[in-house]
């Protein structure tokens, strides 16, 4: 009685396993920063954000809009960024992807890649402005992070698609 009317064009609901697996994979992506990697520059891309965007572009019904806030808090606790920065930036990116997705008539992988690149680039640049002084010389490292994120997004999207296929009955 309270369910919306289903038409032939409506997307089916995500399986329960995919709804449980998606937040876990985002948290595991945020936990990548715990691996002991010795480096003089922060070159690792934000895997948690990239997995979140990949799940959102693959299955729009897996995450509710409010679910991004606790995932951002989890990333803030692990990454060492100022508290609330990932919560704000991830939610902003998620809402921007929602709006752009509703405006696009159709989408293919190239547009998904462009949306993910814009979202990750925005979060990295805004996080740099929040976390470090404007005069700090970290722009080259930031470009390296953005380039590595752009290069790794197809792999992450493929991983999310494989996990989604395994979650279907």
Protein backbone atom coordinates (compact mmCIF):
# COMPACT_ATOMS: atom_id res chain seq x y z
CA UNK A 1 0.00 0.00 0.00
CA UNK A 2 2.84 2.39 0.80
CA UNK A 3 5.12 1.10 -1.96
CA UNK A 4 5.54 3.20 -5.09
CA UNK A 5 3.95 2.04 -8.29
CA UNK A 6 6.30 -0.22 -10.24
CA UNK A 7 6.48 0.25 -13.97
CA UNK A 8 8.47 -1.65 -16.54
CA UNK A 9 11.05 1.14 -16.56
CA UNK A 10 11.78 1.22 -12.84
CA UNK A 11 15.07 -0.24 -11.65
CA UNK A 12 14.78 -3.25 -9.37
CA UNK A 13 15.82 -2.83 -5.76
CA UNK A 14 19.36 -3.74 -4.87
CA UNK A 15 19.84 -7.14 -3.28
CA UNK A 16 20.23 -7.19 0.49
CA UNK A 17 23.79 -8.48 0.18
CA UNK A 18 24.78 -5.53 -2.03
CA UNK A 19 23.22 -3.12 0.45
CA UNK A 20 25.34 -4.62 3.21
CA UNK A 21 28.47 -5.09 1.15
CA UNK A 22 28.68 -1.53 -0.20
CA UNK A 23 29.26 0.29 3.14
CA UNK A 24 31.71 -2.40 4.22
CA UNK A 25 33.77 -1.97 1.06
CA UNK A 26 33.78 1.82 1.53
CA UNK A 27 35.04 1.38 5.09
CA UNK A 28 37.67 -1.11 3.90
CA UNK A 29 38.74 1.43 1.29
CA UNK A 30 39.11 4.04 4.01
CA UNK A 31 41.19 1.57 6.03
CA UNK A 32 43.82 1.35 3.28
CA UNK A 33 45.60 4.25 4.98
CA UNK A 34 46.42 1.88 7.86
CA UNK A 35 48.80 -0.18 5.71
CA UNK A 36 52.39 0.58 6.67
CA UNK A 37 53.64 2.34 3.55
CA UNK A 38 56.82 4.35 4.00
CA UNK A 39 56.79 7.41 1.79
CA UNK A 40 57.96 10.99 1.95
CA UNK A 41 54.89 12.30 0.14
CA UNK A 42 51.18 11.41 0.51
CA UNK A 43 50.58 9.79 -2.88
CA UNK A 44 47.77 7.36 -2.02
CA UNK A 45 44.38 8.28 -3.50
CA UNK A 46 41.26 8.42 -1.31
CA UNK A 47 40.12 4.83 -1.84
CA UNK A 48 37.08 5.16 0.42
CA UNK A 49 35.71 8.07 -1.59
CA UNK A 50 36.48 6.37 -4.88
CA UNK A 51 34.64 3.21 -3.81
CA UNK A 52 31.70 5.30 -2.57
CA UNK A 53 31.43 7.14 -5.89
CA UNK A 54 31.81 3.88 -7.83
CA UNK A 55 28.98 2.27 -5.87
CA UNK A 56 26.80 5.37 -6.32
CA UNK A 57 27.32 5.44 -10.07
CA UNK A 58 26.86 1.68 -10.38
CA UNK A 59 23.85 1.20 -8.08
CA UNK A 60 22.09 4.46 -7.13
CA UNK A 61 19.76 2.65 -4.73
CA UNK A 62 22.42 1.13 -2.47
CA UNK A 63 23.15 4.25 -0.40
CA UNK A 64 20.71 6.66 1.14
CA UNK A 65 21.87 10.27 1.06
CA UNK A 66 22.36 10.38 4.83
CA UNK A 67 24.59 7.26 4.81
CA UNK A 68 27.53 9.28 3.48
CA UNK A 69 27.91 11.23 6.74
CA UNK A 70 28.85 8.28 9.00
CA UNK A 71 31.13 6.90 6.27
CA UNK A 72 32.85 10.29 6.09
CA UNK A 73 33.19 10.32 9.89
CA UNK A 74 34.80 6.88 9.72
CA UNK A 75 37.25 8.16 7.12
CA UNK A 76 38.00 11.26 9.19
CA UNK A 77 38.82 9.11 12.21
CA UNK A 78 41.27 6.99 10.22
CA UNK A 79 42.86 9.45 7.81
CA UNK A 80 43.94 12.17 10.21
CA UNK A 81 42.18 14.93 8.29
CA UNK A 82 40.45 17.64 10.35
CA UNK A 83 37.29 16.27 11.90
CA UNK A 84 34.28 16.79 9.67
CA UNK A 85 36.17 17.48 6.46
CA UNK A 86 35.38 14.14 4.82
CA UNK A 87 31.84 14.29 6.14
CA UNK A 88 31.32 17.66 4.47
CA UNK A 89 33.24 17.00 1.27
CA UNK A 90 31.91 13.48 0.68
CA UNK A 91 28.34 14.65 1.25
CA UNK A 92 28.86 17.57 -1.13
CA UNK A 93 30.26 15.27 -3.81
CA UNK A 94 27.51 12.71 -3.28
CA UNK A 95 24.81 15.37 -3.62
CA UNK A 96 26.51 16.82 -6.71
CA UNK A 97 26.61 13.38 -8.32
CA UNK A 98 22.92 12.93 -7.41
CA UNK A 99 21.99 16.22 -9.07
CA UNK A 100 24.11 15.60 -12.16
CA UNK A 101 22.79 12.06 -12.46
CA UNK A 102 19.21 13.31 -12.39
CA UNK A 103 20.01 15.85 -15.12
CA UNK A 104 21.71 13.43 -17.48
CA UNK A 105 19.40 11.61 -19.85
CA UNK A 106 21.78 8.72 -20.36
CA UNK A 107 25.20 7.81 -19.05
CA UNK A 108 28.07 5.62 -20.17
CA UNK A 109 31.36 4.69 -18.55
CA UNK A 110 33.21 7.76 -19.85
CA UNK A 111 30.72 10.06 -18.17
CA UNK A 112 30.97 8.01 -14.97
CA UNK A 113 34.73 8.34 -15.12
CA UNK A 114 34.43 12.10 -15.63
CA UNK A 115 31.98 12.46 -12.72
CA UNK A 116 34.24 10.41 -10.45
CA UNK A 117 37.29 12.41 -11.53
CA UNK A 118 35.54 15.68 -10.75
CA UNK A 119 34.32 14.43 -7.38
CA UNK A 120 37.69 13.06 -6.29
CA UNK A 121 39.54 16.12 -7.61
CA UNK A 122 37.17 18.44 -5.77
CA UNK A 123 37.58 16.52 -2.51
CA UNK A 124 41.37 16.44 -2.73
CA UNK A 125 41.68 20.14 -3.58
CA UNK A 126 39.14 21.22 -0.95
CA UNK A 127 40.76 18.91 1.63
CA UNK A 128 44.11 20.50 0.86
CA UNK A 129 42.64 23.95 1.43
CA UNK A 130 41.10 22.82 4.72
CA UNK A 131 44.05 20.83 6.10
CA UNK A 132 47.15 22.75 5.05
CA UNK A 133 48.10 26.42 4.80
CA UNK A 134 47.68 28.09 1.43
CA UNK A 135 51.42 28.81 1.22
CA UNK A 136 52.38 25.13 1.61
CA UNK A 137 54.08 23.60 -1.42
CA UNK A 138 51.95 20.49 -1.84
CA UNK A 139 50.37 21.19 -5.20
CA UNK A 140 52.63 18.81 -7.15
CA UNK A 141 51.83 16.00 -4.74
CA UNK A 142 48.16 16.85 -5.03
CA UNK A 143 48.35 16.56 -8.82
CA UNK A 144 50.05 13.16 -8.39
CA UNK A 145 47.22 12.02 -6.13
CA UNK A 146 44.58 13.22 -8.58
CA UNK A 147 46.34 11.55 -11.53
CA UNK A 148 46.64 8.27 -9.62
CA UNK A 149 42.97 8.49 -8.65
CA UNK A 150 41.97 9.03 -12.28
CA UNK A 151 44.06 6.06 -13.37
CA UNK A 152 42.72 3.72 -10.66
CA UNK A 153 39.02 4.55 -10.96
CA UNK A 154 38.26 1.98 -13.71
CA UNK A 155 39.80 -0.75 -11.56
CA UNK A 156 37.73 0.27 -8.55
CA UNK A 157 34.54 0.52 -10.62
CA UNK A 158 35.25 -2.97 -12.00
CA UNK A 159 35.78 -4.30 -8.47
CA UNK A 160 32.46 -2.83 -7.31
CA UNK A 161 30.68 -4.29 -10.34
CA UNK A 162 32.16 -7.73 -9.63
CA UNK A 163 31.09 -7.52 -5.98
CA UNK A 164 27.62 -6.45 -7.08
CA UNK A 165 27.34 -9.41 -9.45
CA UNK A 166 28.38 -11.80 -6.69
CA UNK A 167 25.74 -10.27 -4.40
CA UNK A 168 22.88 -11.00 -6.79
CA UNK A 169 20.90 -14.24 -6.44
